[in-house]
Protein backbone atom coordinates (compact mmCIF):
# COMPACT_ATOMS: atom_id res chain seq x y z
CA UNK A 1 22.41 -1.93 11.78
CA UNK A 2 20.63 0.49 9.46
CA UNK A 3 17.21 -0.31 8.07
CA UNK A 4 17.07 -1.26 4.40
CA UNK A 5 15.99 1.42 1.95
CA UNK A 6 14.17 -1.21 -0.12
CA UNK A 7 12.43 -4.49 0.62
CA UNK A 8 11.74 -7.00 -2.14
CA UNK A 9 9.12 -9.60 -1.22
CA UNK A 10 8.59 -12.56 -3.56
CA UNK A 11 6.12 -15.39 -2.90
CA UNK A 12 7.22 -18.63 -4.54
CA UNK A 13 5.20 -21.76 -5.19
CA UNK A 14 6.79 -24.78 -6.87
CA UNK A 15 9.66 -22.69 -8.23
CA UNK A 16 12.63 -24.81 -7.16
CA UNK A 17 14.66 -24.44 -10.39
CA UNK A 18 14.05 -20.68 -10.47
CA UNK A 19 15.21 -19.73 -6.96
CA UNK A 20 18.95 -19.42 -7.67
CA UNK A 21 18.49 -17.52 -10.97
CA UNK A 22 15.97 -15.19 -9.31
CA UNK A 23 18.37 -14.40 -6.46
CA UNK A 24 21.17 -13.71 -8.93
CA UNK A 25 18.97 -11.42 -11.03
CA UNK A 26 17.77 -9.49 -8.00
CA UNK A 27 21.36 -8.95 -6.81
CA UNK A 28 22.45 -7.99 -10.33
CA UNK A 29 19.68 -5.38 -10.53
CA UNK A 30 19.99 -3.94 -7.02
CA UNK A 31 23.69 -4.08 -6.10
CA UNK A 32 24.64 -1.31 -8.59
CA UNK A 33 22.14 1.03 -6.92
CA UNK A 34 24.39 1.22 -3.88
CA UNK A 35 21.49 1.14 -1.44
CA UNK A 36 20.81 -1.14 1.49
CA UNK A 37 18.12 -3.67 0.58
CA UNK A 38 16.58 -6.88 1.82
CA UNK A 39 15.11 -9.75 -0.15
CA UNK A 40 12.35 -11.81 1.44
CA UNK A 41 11.53 -14.99 -0.47
CA UNK A 42 8.50 -16.86 0.83
CA UNK A 43 7.67 -20.50 0.15
CA UNK A 44 3.93 -20.32 -0.45
CA UNK A 45 2.96 -23.97 0.02
CA UNK A 46 5.29 -25.56 -2.51
CA UNK A 47 5.18 -29.30 -3.07
CA UNK A 48 8.59 -29.46 -4.76
CA UNK A 49 12.00 -28.53 -3.37
CA UNK A 50 11.43 -24.77 -3.30
CA UNK A 51 12.00 -24.51 0.45
CA UNK A 52 15.27 -26.43 0.22
CA UNK A 53 16.35 -24.16 -2.64
CA UNK A 54 15.57 -21.15 -0.42
CA UNK A 55 17.68 -22.60 2.38
CA UNK A 56 20.53 -23.16 -0.08
CA UNK A 57 20.17 -19.55 -1.30
CA UNK A 58 20.29 -18.33 2.29
CA UNK A 59 23.48 -20.29 2.84
CA UNK A 60 25.03 -18.72 -0.27
CA UNK A 61 23.99 -15.13 0.44
CA UNK A 62 22.29 -13.55 3.44
CA UNK A 63 18.65 -14.35 2.77
CA UNK A 64 16.12 -15.74 5.21
CA UNK A 65 13.80 -18.50 4.03
CA UNK A 66 10.21 -18.17 5.19
CA UNK A 67 7.52 -20.78 4.86
CA UNK A 68 3.75 -20.58 5.04
CA UNK A 69 3.66 -24.25 6.14
C-alpha cells in the first residue's frame, strides 16, 4: 500500500460532540484533492466520551483511534 501524501494529526480533549463533524469536514476538504491521506485523531486525556466517539468514527470510516491514556 502506498504511503499517504498528507497526514492530518488532531489532538482532541473533551470534544465528543465535535468528532463526527470534524471527520466529515476533513473528508469534505481533502477528498476532492484526489491524494492519498491519513487522519490521526488523538484522545488527549478526555474525561467525556471523546474516545468512544473516535471508535465510532473509525467504525464508520477507516480511522484509527489513539489514546494518551
